[in-house]
C-alpha atoms as a PDB file:
ATOM      1  CA  MET A   1       2.447 -48.456  -7.811  1.00  0.00           C
ATOM      2  CA  ALA A   2       3.565 -46.610  -4.939  1.00  0.00           C
ATOM      3  CA  ALA A   3       7.109 -46.450  -3.771  1.00  0.00           C
ATOM      4  CA  GLU A   4       8.492 -49.019  -1.394  1.00  0.00           C
ATOM      5  CA  PRO A   5       8.746 -46.933   2.024  1.00  0.00           C
ATOM      6  CA  ASP A   6      12.747 -48.044   1.922  1.00  0.00           C
ATOM      7  CA  ALA A   7      13.367 -46.723  -1.545  1.00  0.00           C
ATOM      8  CA  LEU A   8      16.329 -44.282  -1.862  1.00  0.00           C
ATOM      9  CA  LEU A   9      14.443 -40.851  -3.102  1.00  0.00           C
ATOM     10  CA  GLU A  10      16.895 -39.242  -6.110  1.00  0.00           C
ATOM     11  CA  TRP A  11      18.198 -36.231  -4.821  1.00  0.00           C
ATOM     12  CA  PRO A  12      20.730 -34.195  -6.895  1.00  0.00           C
ATOM     13  CA  LEU A  13      23.458 -34.129  -3.694  1.00  0.00           C
ATOM     14  CA  HIS A  14      25.722 -32.343  -6.061  1.00  0.00           C
ATOM     15  CA  VAL A  15      23.154 -29.389  -5.876  1.00  0.00           C
ATOM     16  CA  ILE A  16      23.487 -27.446  -2.631  1.00  0.00           C
ATOM     17  CA  ARG A  17      21.346 -24.318  -2.794  1.00  0.00           C
ATOM     18  CA  ALA A  18      19.005 -22.305  -5.365  1.00  0.00           C
ATOM     19  CA  GLU A  19      18.211 -18.998  -4.691  1.00  0.00           C
ATOM     20  CA  LEU A  20      16.294 -16.240  -7.059  1.00  0.00           C
ATOM     21  CA  GLU A  21      17.829 -12.943  -7.314  1.00  0.00           C
ATOM     22  CA  VAL A  22      15.104 -10.325  -8.532  1.00  0.00           C
ATOM     23  CA  ASP A  23      15.671  -6.941 -10.346  1.00  0.00           C
ATOM     24  CA  TRP A  24      13.434  -5.030  -9.361  1.00  0.00           C
ATOM     25  CA  GLU A  25      14.911  -1.814 -11.226  1.00  0.00           C
ATOM     26  CA  CYS A  26      13.597  -2.941 -14.601  1.00  0.00           C
ATOM     27  CA  VAL A  27      10.213  -0.885 -14.677  1.00  0.00           C
ATOM     28  CA  SER A  28       8.743  -2.410 -17.589  1.00  0.00           C
ATOM     29  CA  GLN A  29       9.017  -6.039 -16.828  1.00  0.00           C
ATOM     30  CA  PHE A  30      11.285  -7.345 -13.943  1.00  0.00           C
ATOM     31  CA  SER A  31      14.408  -9.898 -14.824  1.00  0.00           C
ATOM     32  CA  GLY A  32      16.783 -11.617 -12.664  1.00  0.00           C
ATOM     33  CA  TYR A  33      18.872 -14.526 -11.909  1.00  0.00           C
ATOM     34  CA  LEU A  34      18.853 -18.025 -10.554  1.00  0.00           C
ATOM     35  CA  ASN A  35      21.720 -18.556  -8.537  1.00  0.00           C
ATOM     36  CA  LEU A  36      22.694 -22.313  -8.036  1.00  0.00           C
ATOM     37  CA  GLU A  37      25.642 -23.271  -5.719  1.00  0.00           C
ATOM     38  CA  PHE A  38      27.465 -26.573  -6.584  1.00  0.00           C
ATOM     39  CA  SER A  39      29.725 -29.065  -4.184  1.00  0.00           C
ATOM     40  CA  GLU A  40      32.680 -29.309  -6.318  1.00  0.00           C
ATOM     41  CA  ARG A  41      33.435 -33.061  -5.142  1.00  0.00           C
ATOM     42  CA  ASP A  42      30.117 -34.292  -6.056  1.00  0.00           C
ATOM     43  CA  PHE A  43      29.534 -32.255  -9.386  1.00  0.00           C
ATOM     44  CA  VAL A  44      28.131 -33.916 -12.182  1.00  0.00           C
ATOM     45  CA  PRO A  45      26.733 -32.102 -15.707  1.00  0.00           C
ATOM     46  CA  THR A  46      23.242 -30.469 -14.670  1.00  0.00           C
ATOM     47  CA  SER A  47      20.236 -29.423 -16.853  1.00  0.00           C
ATOM     48  CA  VAL A  48      17.411 -26.868 -15.087  1.00  0.00           C
ATOM     49  CA  TYR A  49      13.781 -26.373 -16.061  1.00  0.00           C
ATOM     50  CA  LEU A  50      11.000 -24.396 -15.177  1.00  0.00           C
ATOM     51  CA  ARG A  51       8.545 -27.499 -14.239  1.00  0.00           C
ATOM     52  CA  PRO A  52       5.591 -28.393 -16.636  1.00  0.00           C
ATOM     53  CA  ALA A  53       2.665 -25.572 -16.187  1.00  0.00           C
ATOM     54  CA  ASP A  54      -0.060 -27.126 -14.377  1.00  0.00           C
ATOM     55  CA  GLY A  55       1.516 -30.128 -14.393  1.00  0.00           C
ATOM     56  CA  SER A  56       0.930 -30.575 -18.360  1.00  0.00           C
ATOM     57  CA  GLY A  57       3.189 -30.220 -21.091  1.00  0.00           C
ATOM     58  CA  ALA A  58       6.697 -30.037 -21.627  1.00  0.00           C
ATOM     59  CA  ALA A  59       9.183 -28.317 -18.988  1.00  0.00           C
ATOM     60  CA  ILE A  60      10.952 -25.548 -20.265  1.00  0.00           C
ATOM     61  CA  GLU A  61      14.745 -25.838 -19.736  1.00  0.00           C
ATOM     62  CA  LEU A  62      16.327 -22.597 -18.073  1.00  0.00           C
ATOM     63  CA  ALA A  63      20.247 -23.648 -18.439  1.00  0.00           C
ATOM     64  CA  GLN A  64      22.939 -26.517 -19.112  1.00  0.00           C
ATOM     65  CA  ILE A  65      25.906 -26.561 -16.940  1.00  0.00           C
ATOM     66  CA  ALA A  66      28.588 -28.546 -18.145  1.00  0.00           C
ATOM     67  CA  ASN A  67      31.236 -27.971 -15.634  1.00  0.00           C
ATOM     68  CA  TYR A  68      31.743 -26.880 -11.844  1.00  0.00           C
ATOM     69  CA  PRO A  69      31.454 -22.947 -11.608  1.00  0.00           C
ATOM     70  CA  THR A  70      34.924 -22.049 -10.893  1.00  0.00           C
ATOM     71  CA  ASN A  71      35.985 -20.315  -7.885  1.00  0.00           C
ATOM     72  CA  THR A  72      32.876 -19.566  -6.069  1.00  0.00           C
ATOM     73  CA  GLY A  73      30.973 -22.645  -7.189  1.00  0.00           C
ATOM     74  CA  ILE A  74      27.933 -20.867  -8.057  1.00  0.00           C
ATOM     75  CA  CYS A  75      26.560 -20.302 -11.300  1.00  0.00           C
ATOM     76  CA  LYS A  76      24.500 -17.308 -12.333  1.00  0.00           C
ATOM     77  CA  VAL A  77      21.501 -18.053 -14.768  1.00  0.00           C
ATOM     78  CA  PRO A  78      20.162 -14.919 -15.884  1.00  0.00           C
ATOM     79  CA  LEU A  79      16.107 -15.511 -15.955  1.00  0.00           C
ATOM     80  CA  ALA A  80      13.467 -13.367 -18.325  1.00  0.00           C
ATOM     81  CA  SER A  81      10.428 -11.648 -16.805  1.00  0.00           C
ATOM     82  CA  GLY A  82       7.981 -14.742 -17.510  1.00  0.00           C
ATOM     83  CA  ALA A  83      10.519 -17.412 -15.814  1.00  0.00           C
ATOM     84  CA  VAL A  84      11.001 -14.674 -12.777  1.00  0.00           C
ATOM     85  CA  SER A  85       7.204 -14.573 -12.421  1.00  0.00           C
ATOM     86  CA  ARG A  86       6.712 -18.472 -12.457  1.00  0.00           C
ATOM     87  CA  LEU A  87       9.418 -19.167  -9.827  1.00  0.00           C
ATOM     88  CA  LEU A  88       8.203 -16.273  -7.612  1.00  0.00           C
ATOM     89  CA  LEU A  89       4.779 -17.880  -7.597  1.00  0.00           C
ATOM     90  CA  GLU A  90       6.113 -21.920  -7.460  1.00  0.00           C
ATOM     91  CA  ARG A  91       9.330 -21.618  -5.453  1.00  0.00           C
ATOM     92  CA  THR A  92      10.690 -24.970  -7.206  1.00  0.00           C
ATOM     93  CA  ILE A  93      12.903 -25.805 -10.023  1.00  0.00           C
ATOM     94  CA  GLN A  94      13.363 -29.273 -12.019  1.00  0.00           C
ATOM     95  CA  ILE A  95      16.980 -30.480 -11.702  1.00  0.00           C
ATOM     96  CA  ARG A  96      18.151 -33.439 -14.387  1.00  0.00           C
ATOM     97  CA  TRP A  97      21.329 -34.761 -14.029  1.00  0.00           C
ATOM     98  CA  SER A  98      23.494 -38.204 -14.421  1.00  0.00           C
ATOM     99  CA  ASP A  99      23.072 -40.998 -17.131  1.00  0.00           C
ATOM    100  CA  PRO A 100      20.551 -42.398 -17.497  1.00  0.00           C
ATOM    101  CA  PRO A 101      18.557 -39.161 -16.563  1.00  0.00           C
ATOM    102  CA  GLN A 102      17.503 -38.567 -12.712  1.00  0.00           C
ATOM    103  CA  VAL A 103      14.857 -36.046 -12.048  1.00  0.00           C
ATOM    104  CA  ALA A 104      14.406 -34.210  -9.361  1.00  0.00           C
ATOM    105  CA  GLU A 105      12.039 -31.364  -7.735  1.00  0.00           C
ATOM    106  CA  PHE A 106      14.615 -28.458  -6.242  1.00  0.00           C
ATOM    107  CA  PRO A 107      13.560 -25.698  -3.991  1.00  0.00           C
ATOM    108  CA  ILE A 108      14.633 -22.676  -4.300  1.00  0.00           C
ATOM    109  CA  ASN A 109      15.026 -19.693  -1.723  1.00  0.00           C
ATOM    110  CA  ILE A 110      14.529 -15.752  -2.188  1.00  0.00           C
ATOM    111  CA  SER A 111      17.815 -13.835  -1.748  1.00  0.00           C
ATOM    112  CA  GLU A 112      17.583 -10.878   0.905  1.00  0.00           C
ATOM    113  CA  SER A 113      18.185  -8.226  -1.837  1.00  0.00           C
ATOM    114  CA  THR A 114      14.884  -9.441  -3.581  1.00  0.00           C
ATOM    115  CA  LYS A 115      12.600  -9.779  -0.344  1.00  0.00           C
ATOM    116  CA  ALA A 116      12.487  -5.871   0.536  1.00  0.00           C
ATOM    117  CA  GLY A 117      10.816  -5.493  -3.007  1.00  0.00           C
ATOM    118  CA  LEU A 118       8.939  -8.612  -3.231  1.00  0.00           C
ATOM    119  CA  PRO A 119       4.732  -7.449  -3.192  1.00  0.00           C
ATOM    120  CA  SER A 120       2.709  -8.759   0.116  1.00  0.00           C
ATOM    121  CA  ILE A 121       0.380  -9.838  -2.871  1.00  0.00           C
ATOM    122  CA  LEU A 122       2.139 -10.925  -5.697  1.00  0.00           C
ATOM    123  CA  GLY A 123       0.829  -9.817  -8.987  1.00  0.00           C
ATOM    124  CA  ALA A 124      -0.653  -6.544  -7.447  1.00  0.00           C
ATOM    125  CA  ASN A 125       1.771  -3.246  -6.760  1.00  0.00           C
ATOM    126  CA  PRO A 126       0.364   0.157  -5.447  1.00  0.00           C
ATOM    127  CA  ASP A 127      -0.219   2.637  -8.204  1.00  0.00           C
ATOM    128  CA  GLU A 128       0.636   6.410  -7.989  1.00  0.00           C
ATOM    129  CA  GLN A 129      -2.480   7.315  -6.321  1.00  0.00           C
ATOM    130  CA  GLN A 130      -2.576   4.505  -3.830  1.00  0.00           C
ATOM    131  CA  LEU A 131       1.210   5.402  -2.900  1.00  0.00           C
ATOM    132  CA  LEU A 132       0.171   8.991  -2.581  1.00  0.00           C
ATOM    133  CA  ALA A 133      -2.812   8.107  -0.021  1.00  0.00           C
ATOM    134  CA  TYR A 134      -0.214   5.852   1.753  1.00  0.00           C
ATOM    135  CA  PHE A 135       1.983   8.617   2.743  1.00  0.00           C
ATOM    136  CA  HIS A 136      -0.488  11.363   3.129  1.00  0.00           C
ATOM    137  CA  GLY A 137      -1.946   8.969   6.028  1.00  0.00           C
ATOM    138  CA  ARG A 138      -5.180   8.502   4.220  1.00  0.00           C
ATOM    139  CA  ILE A 139      -5.255   4.735   3.820  1.00  0.00           C
ATOM    140  CA  SER A 140      -3.457   2.550   6.118  1.00  0.00           C
ATOM    141  CA  GLU A 141      -1.272  -0.346   5.108  1.00  0.00           C
ATOM    142  CA  ASP A 142      -3.552  -2.773   5.775  1.00  0.00           C
ATOM    143  CA  ASP A 143      -6.333  -1.242   3.743  1.00  0.00           C
ATOM    144  CA  LEU A 144      -3.964  -0.579   1.043  1.00  0.00           C
ATOM    145  CA  LEU A 145      -3.683  -4.703   0.928  1.00  0.00           C
ATOM    146  CA  GLU A 146      -7.039  -5.260   1.014  1.00  0.00           C
ATOM    147  CA  LEU A 147      -7.830  -3.132  -2.000  1.00  0.00           C
ATOM    148  CA  LEU A 148      -4.804  -4.692  -4.250  1.00  0.00           C
ATOM    149  CA  GLN A 149      -6.059  -8.104  -3.447  1.00  0.00           C
ATOM    150  CA  LEU A 150      -9.549  -7.052  -4.675  1.00  0.00           C
ATOM    151  CA  ARG A 151      -8.145  -5.561  -7.619  1.00  0.00           C
ATOM    152  CA  LEU A 152      -6.088  -8.555  -8.426  1.00  0.00           C
ATOM    153  CA  GLN A 153      -9.282 -10.630  -7.768  1.00  0.00           C
ATOM    154  CA  ARG A 154     -11.315  -8.429 -10.222  1.00  0.00           C
ATOM    155  CA  GLU A 155      -8.526  -8.622 -13.110  1.00  0.00           C
ATOM    156  CA  ALA A 156      -8.213 -12.527 -12.607  1.00  0.00           C
ATOM    157  CA  SER A 157     -11.849 -12.318 -13.640  1.00  0.00           C
ATOM    158  CA  GLU A 158     -11.606 -10.052 -16.849  1.00  0.00           C
ATOM    159  CA  THR A 159     -10.278 -10.527 -20.234  1.00  0.00           C
ATOM    160  CA  VAL A 160      -8.837  -7.268 -20.689  1.00  0.00           C
ATOM    161  CA  THR A 161      -6.164  -5.920 -18.443  1.00  0.00           C
ATOM    162  CA  GLU A 162      -6.912  -2.621 -16.812  1.00  0.00           C
ATOM    163  CA  ASP A 163      -4.660   0.116 -17.667  1.00  0.00           C
ATOM    164  CA  ARG A 164      -3.563   1.596 -14.417  1.00  0.00           C
ATOM    165  CA  SER A 165      -1.711   4.573 -15.292  1.00  0.00           C
ATOM    166  CA  PRO A 166      -3.624   7.530 -14.228  1.00  0.00           C
ATOM    167  CA  PRO A 167      -5.025   9.660 -17.222  1.00  0.00           C
ATOM    168  CA  ARG A 168      -3.527  12.659 -18.161  1.00  0.00           C
ATOM    169  CA  ASP A 169      -6.077  14.756 -17.171  1.00  0.00           C
ATOM    170  CA  LEU A 170      -5.611  14.076 -13.487  1.00  0.00           C
ATOM    171  CA  GLN A 171      -1.762  14.922 -13.806  1.00  0.00           C
ATOM    172  CA  SER A 172      -2.009  18.361 -11.854  1.00  0.00           C
ATOM    173  CA  TYR A 173      -3.892  16.710  -9.241  1.00  0.00           C
ATOM    174  CA  LEU A 174      -1.370  14.197  -8.711  1.00  0.00           C
ATOM    175  CA  VAL A 175       1.366  16.422  -8.859  1.00  0.00           C
ATOM    176  CA  ARG A 176      -0.497  18.810  -6.527  1.00  0.00           C
ATOM    177  CA  ASP A 177      -0.931  15.699  -4.054  1.00  0.00           C
ATOM    178  CA  PHE A 178       2.806  14.726  -4.485  1.00  0.00           C
ATOM    179  CA  VAL A 179       3.706  18.138  -2.957  1.00  0.00           C
ATOM    180  CA  GLU A 180       1.279  17.944   0.010  1.00  0.00           C
ATOM    181  CA  CYS A 181       2.787  14.363   0.748  1.00  0.00           C
ATOM    182  CA  LEU A 182       6.159  15.097   0.709  1.00  0.00           C
ATOM    183  CA  GLN A 183       6.021  15.755   4.348  1.00  0.00           C
ATOM    184  CA  GLY A 184       4.584  12.352   5.071  1.00  0.00           C
ATOM    185  CA  MET A 185       7.360  10.790   2.859  1.00  0.00           C
ATOM    186  CA  ALA A 186      10.122  12.382   5.226  1.00  0.00           C
ATOM    187  CA  LYS A 187       8.233  11.389   8.527  1.00  0.00           C
ATOM    188  CA  ALA A 188       7.953   7.860   7.154  1.00  0.00           C
ATOM    189  CA  LEU A 189      11.681   7.752   6.389  1.00  0.00           C
ATOM    190  CA  ALA A 190      13.082   9.233   9.727  1.00  0.00           C
ATOM    191  CA  SER A 191      10.639   7.131  11.646  1.00  0.00           C
ATOM    192  CA  SER A 192      11.882   3.495   9.923  1.00  0.00           C
ATOM    193  CA  ALA A 193      15.263   4.435  10.116  1.00  0.00           C
ATOM    194  CA  GLN A 194      14.744   4.712  14.121  1.00  0.00           C
ATOM    195  CA  SER A 195      13.252   1.512  14.126  1.00  0.00           C
ATOM    196  CA  SER A 196      15.657  -0.925  12.368  1.00  0.00           C
ATOM    197  CA  PRO A 197      17.362  -1.436   9.174  1.00  0.00           C
ATOM    198  CA  ARG A 198      14.893  -4.099   7.366  1.00  0.00           C
ATOM    199  CA  ALA A 199      11.969  -1.227   8.248  1.00  0.00           C
ATOM    200  CA  LEU A 200      14.039   1.242   6.426  1.00  0.00           C
ATOM    201  CA  GLU A 201      14.945  -0.795   3.437  1.00  0.00           C
ATOM    202  CA  ALA A 202      11.164  -1.472   2.987  1.00  0.00           C
ATOM    203  CA  THR A 203      10.388   2.075   3.323  1.00  0.00           C
ATOM    204  CA  LEU A 204      12.894   2.986   0.803  1.00  0.00           C
ATOM    205  CA  LEU A 205      12.872   0.198  -1.498  1.00  0.00           C
ATOM    206  CA  GLY A 206      10.035  -2.094  -0.715  1.00  0.00           C
ATOM    207  CA  GLU A 207       6.300  -2.050  -2.561  1.00  0.00           C
ATOM    208  CA  PHE A 208       5.292   1.070  -0.526  1.00  0.00           C
ATOM    209  CA  SER A 209       8.291   3.107  -0.743  1.00  0.00           C
ATOM    210  CA  THR A 210       9.590   6.264  -2.408  1.00  0.00           C
ATOM    211  CA  TYR A 211      11.476   4.119  -4.972  1.00  0.00           C
ATOM    212  CA  ALA A 212       7.877   2.285  -5.889  1.00  0.00           C
ATOM    213  CA  LEU A 213       6.506   6.260  -6.283  1.00  0.00           C
ATOM    214  CA  ALA A 214       9.627   7.154  -8.692  1.00  0.00           C
ATOM    215  CA  ARG A 215       8.555   3.897 -10.592  1.00  0.00           C
ATOM    216  CA  GLU A 216       5.270   5.020 -10.827  1.00  0.00           C
ATOM    217  CA  VAL A 217       6.013   8.359 -12.361  1.00  0.00           C
ATOM    218  CA  LEU A 218       8.630   6.682 -14.892  1.00  0.00           C
ATOM    219  CA  VAL A 219       5.639   4.586 -16.076  1.00  0.00           C
ATOM    220  CA  ALA A 220       3.227   7.787 -16.668  1.00  0.00           C
ATOM    221  CA  LEU A 221       6.168   9.409 -18.311  1.00  0.00           C
ATOM    222  CA  GLN A 222       7.081   6.454 -20.799  1.00  0.00           C
ATOM    223  CA  ASN A 223       3.147   6.272 -21.254  1.00  0.00           C
ATOM    224  CA  GLY A 224       2.469  10.073 -22.182  1.00  0.00           C
ATOM    225  CA  ARG A 225       0.347  10.517 -19.155  1.00  0.00           C
ATOM    226  CA  ARG A 226       2.987  12.740 -17.308  1.00  0.00           C
ATOM    227  CA  SER A 227       4.720  15.898 -18.941  1.00  0.00           C
ATOM    228  CA  PRO A 228       8.558  15.832 -18.785  1.00  0.00           C
ATOM    229  CA  VAL A 229       8.466  18.832 -16.679  1.00  0.00           C
ATOM    230  CA  ALA A 230       6.347  17.433 -14.313  1.00  0.00           C
ATOM    231  CA  ALA A 231       8.415  13.906 -14.112  1.00  0.00           C
ATOM    232  CA  ALA A 232      11.259  15.858 -13.707  1.00  0.00           C
ATOM    233  CA  PHE A 233      10.335  17.763 -10.511  1.00  0.00           C
ATOM    234  CA  GLN A 234       8.809  14.627  -9.224  1.00  0.00           C
ATOM    235  CA  LEU A 235      12.119  12.688  -9.302  1.00  0.00           C
ATOM    236  CA  THR A 236      14.095  15.736  -8.235  1.00  0.00           C
ATOM    237  CA  GLU A 237      12.274  15.951  -4.938  1.00  0.00           C
ATOM    238  CA  LEU A 238      12.100  11.943  -4.413  1.00  0.00           C
ATOM    239  CA  VAL A 239      16.293  12.378  -4.786  1.00  0.00           C
ATOM    240  CA  ARG A 240      16.047  15.153  -2.125  1.00  0.00           C
ATOM    241  CA  ILE A 241      13.714  13.697   0.317  1.00  0.00           C
ATOM    242  CA  VAL A 242      15.841  10.321   0.330  1.00  0.00           C
ATOM    243  CA  ASP A 243      19.112  12.231   0.665  1.00  0.00           C
ATOM    244  CA  GLU A 244      18.257  14.728   3.500  1.00  0.00           C
ATOM    245  CA  PHE A 245      16.128  12.700   5.686  1.00  0.00           C
ATOM    246  CA  PRO A 246      18.373  12.349   8.827  1.00  0.00           C
ATOM    247  CA  LEU A 247      19.900   9.136  10.237  1.00  0.00           C
ATOM    248  CA  PRO A 248      20.032   8.642  14.218  1.00  0.00           C
ATOM    249  CA  THR A 249      23.542   9.149  14.694  1.00  0.00           C
ATOM    250  CA  GLU A 250      23.688   6.812  17.534  1.00  0.00           C
ATOM    251  CA  ALA A 251      22.140   4.004  16.259  1.00  0.00           C
ATOM    252  CA  PRO A 252      24.552   1.208  16.560  1.00  0.00           C
ATOM    253  CA  GLU A 253      23.702   0.026  13.055  1.00  0.00           C
ATOM    254  CA  TRP A 254      24.105   3.523  11.727  1.00  0.00           C
ATOM    255  CA  GLU A 255      26.746   2.143   9.010  1.00  0.00           C
ATOM    256  CA  THR A 256      23.982  -0.356   7.634  1.00  0.00           C
ATOM    257  CA  LEU A 257      21.739   2.544   7.318  1.00  0.00           C
ATOM    258  CA  ALA A 258      23.921   4.795   5.421  1.00  0.00           C
ATOM    259  CA  ILE A 259      24.636   2.045   3.227  1.00  0.00           C
ATOM    260  CA  LEU A 260      20.805   1.381   2.552  1.00  0.00           C
ATOM    261  CA  LYS A 261      19.930   5.500   1.996  1.00  0.00           C
ATOM    262  CA  GLN A 262      22.882   5.567  -0.529  1.00  0.00           C
ATOM    263  CA  ARG A 263      21.506   2.514  -2.486  1.00  0.00           C
ATOM    264  CA  SER A 264      17.904   3.750  -2.403  1.00  0.00           C
ATOM    265  CA  VAL A 265      19.609   7.188  -3.954  1.00  0.00           C
ATOM    266  CA  GLU A 266      21.737   5.238  -6.763  1.00  0.00           C
ATOM    267  CA  ARG A 267      18.382   3.212  -7.607  1.00  0.00           C
ATOM    268  CA  LEU A 268      16.389   6.872  -7.786  1.00  0.00           C
ATOM    269  CA  LEU A 269      19.138   7.979 -10.183  1.00  0.00           C
ATOM    270  CA  GLY A 270      18.727   5.115 -12.083  1.00  0.00           C
ATOM    271  CA  ILE A 271      15.039   5.719 -12.719  1.00  0.00           C
ATOM    272  CA  VAL A 272      16.099   9.246 -13.641  1.00  0.00           C
ATOM    273  CA  SER A 273      18.780   7.556 -16.304  1.00  0.00           C
ATOM    274  CA  GLN A 274      15.772   5.304 -17.838  1.00  0.00           C
ATOM    275  CA  ALA A 275      13.568   8.455 -18.008  1.00  0.00           C
ATOM    276  CA  THR A 276      16.309   9.907 -20.228  1.00  0.00           C
ATOM    277  CA  HIS A 277      15.052   7.369 -23.207  1.00  0.00           C
ATOM    278  CA  VAL A 278      12.186   9.639 -23.269  1.00  0.00           C
ATOM    279  CA  ALA A 279      13.615  12.068 -25.409  1.00  0.00           C
ATOM    280  CA  ALA A 280      11.302  15.066 -24.367  1.00  0.00           C
ATOM    281  CA  PHE A 281      12.823  14.117 -20.646  1.00  0.00           C
ATOM    282  CA  ALA A 282      15.941  14.357 -21.859  1.00  0.00           C
ATOM    283  CA  SER A 283      15.806  17.559 -23.333  1.00  0.00           C
ATOM    284  CA  ALA A 284      13.771  19.253 -20.517  1.00  0.00           C
ATOM    285  CA  LEU A 285      16.762  18.475 -18.171  1.00  0.00           C
ATOM    286  CA  ARG A 286      18.591  20.795 -20.489  1.00  0.00           C
ATOM    287  CA  ASP A 287      16.446  23.309 -19.709  1.00  0.00           C
ATOM    288  CA  LYS A 288      18.044  26.113 -17.838  1.00  0.00           C
ATOM    289  CA  HIS A 289      14.905  26.181 -15.809  1.00  0.00           C
ATOM    290  CA  ILE A 290      14.823  23.077 -14.766  1.00  0.00           C
ATOM    291  CA  GLU A 291      18.504  22.790 -14.513  1.00  0.00           C
ATOM    292  CA  GLN A 292      18.481  25.524 -12.155  1.00  0.00           C
ATOM    293  CA  TYR A 293      15.689  23.932  -9.828  1.00  0.00           C
ATOM    294  CA  VAL A 294      17.623  21.015  -9.675  1.00  0.00           C
ATOM    295  CA  GLN A 295      20.789  22.730  -8.662  1.00  0.00           C
ATOM    296  CA  ALA A 296      19.121  24.654  -6.284  1.00  0.00           C
ATOM    297  CA  SER A 297      17.152  21.669  -4.612  1.00  0.00           C
ATOM    298  CA  LEU A 298      20.150  18.932  -4.582  1.00  0.00           C
ATOM    299  CA  ARG A 299      23.685  18.815  -3.123  1.00  0.00           C
ATOM    300  CA  SER A 300      25.892  19.733  -5.690  1.00  0.00           C
ATOM    301  CA  ASN A 301      27.322  16.739  -6.922  1.00  0.00           C
ATOM    302  CA  LEU A 302      24.078  15.156  -6.576  1.00  0.00           C
ATOM    303  CA  ALA A 303      22.400  17.758  -8.781  1.00  0.00           C
ATOM    304  CA  GLN A 304      25.325  17.344 -11.302  1.00  0.00           C
ATOM    305  CA  ARG A 305      24.748  13.460 -11.442  1.00  0.00           C
ATOM    306  CA  PHE A 306      21.096  14.063 -11.778  1.00  0.00           C
ATOM    307  CA  LEU A 307      21.520  16.370 -15.021  1.00  0.00           C
ATOM    308  CA  ASP A 308      24.087  14.327 -16.580  1.00  0.00           C
ATOM    309  CA  ALA A 309      21.669  11.566 -16.829  1.00  0.00           C
ATOM    310  CA  GLY A 310      19.996  13.522 -19.634  1.00  0.00           C
ATOM    311  CA  MET A 311      23.583  13.456 -21.302  1.00  0.00           C
ATOM    312  CA  ALA A 312      24.529   9.890 -20.688  1.00  0.00           C
ATOM    313  CA  THR A 313      24.199   7.082 -23.243  1.00  0.00           C
ATOM    314  CA  THR A 314      23.219   3.474 -22.294  1.00  0.00           C
ATOM    315  CA  ASN A 315      25.038   0.464 -23.490  1.00  0.00           C
ATOM    316  CA  PRO A 316      22.762  -2.396 -22.037  1.00  0.00           C
ATOM    317  CA  ALA A 317      25.316  -5.282 -21.644  1.00  0.00           C
ATOM    318  CA  VAL A 318      24.013  -8.909 -22.436  1.00  0.00           C
ATOM    319  CA  ALA A 319      23.819 -10.721 -19.529  1.00  0.00           C
ATOM    320  CA  ILE A 320      25.680 -14.021 -19.225  1.00  0.00           C
ATOM    321  CA  ALA A 321      26.297 -16.823 -16.790  1.00  0.00           C
ATOM    322  CA  GLU A 322      28.788 -15.206 -14.822  1.00  0.00           C
ATOM    323  CA  GLY A 323      31.297 -17.909 -12.999  1.00  0.00           C
ATOM    324  CA  CYS A 324      30.016 -20.824 -15.313  1.00  0.00           C
ATOM    325  CA  ASN A 325      32.064 -22.627 -17.719  1.00  0.00           C
ATOM    326  CA  ASP A 326      30.389 -24.156 -20.654  1.00  0.00           C
ATOM    327  CA  VAL A 327      27.285 -23.322 -19.924  1.00  0.00           C
ATOM    328  CA  SER A 328      24.327 -22.863 -22.183  1.00  0.00           C
ATOM    329  CA  VAL A 329      20.965 -20.633 -21.246  1.00  0.00           C
ATOM    330  CA  VAL A 330      17.582 -20.949 -23.033  1.00  0.00           C
ATOM    331  CA  SER A 331      15.579 -17.778 -22.906  1.00  0.00           C
END
């Protein structure tokens, strides 16, 4: 039976906003947070779910928030890769609250920090060869997007997912191609800095960016299709290019541009740290010839941080729902 026109819609008035924040730094599978903002006055215990896939089956519980989040009123719910992918596509969560239970489909927003890395064609990121062609100017952004769309359609019709990593015998060619496109990268960065902070953010951290290329180098290293020496060279050059390109000193948003530039350098150093999980790469950073190359290419403090990554140990913390009391998160 259809609902009466004047029937009140069940709606969680205590939920102010839901926002998805993606961690693009995780190379193999990205993760993130669902940031939920609550009204202190109206708060009631709340459960959050992924909607049933294709309208069938059971909803997947993401979290139970028993008490109002202290201080900011925002609860950060950690998400695994599968949940992030679903929310990027669906942009909706299911909220359950009250007794007897009430249920509503609640829209989610994409955080500003996430938008720069969001692919134009979800599920199809450019590979290393395509990024190099883009920085060379051999392929336009529109043509590259068309290729990604075609690849996504082809993969959807195949039962076996194609390995996009370049075969090892292409390594020398790709590294030569990389060297030749360094000038194109520098020009792209300088041009976007002249344009706007959003344009620079896209060139530094977006899907067609120096950071995206560094991620592809890392994947090739992890898959054994890039030698540690070649990877060290490429990552050194990417850090150098980003660190050295000039910012327009007369720009009214110079401070914002400088922050974006520094954030990109930190992200690239994060890629170097992840690369050290490959033992051969960590060893390569201790080779005197590579050490001399890094020191000659980068500013002294930056070179030291790059080389120190090989000596660093990681102690990944377990993600928790920060700012929430009595919240249980379901992975």
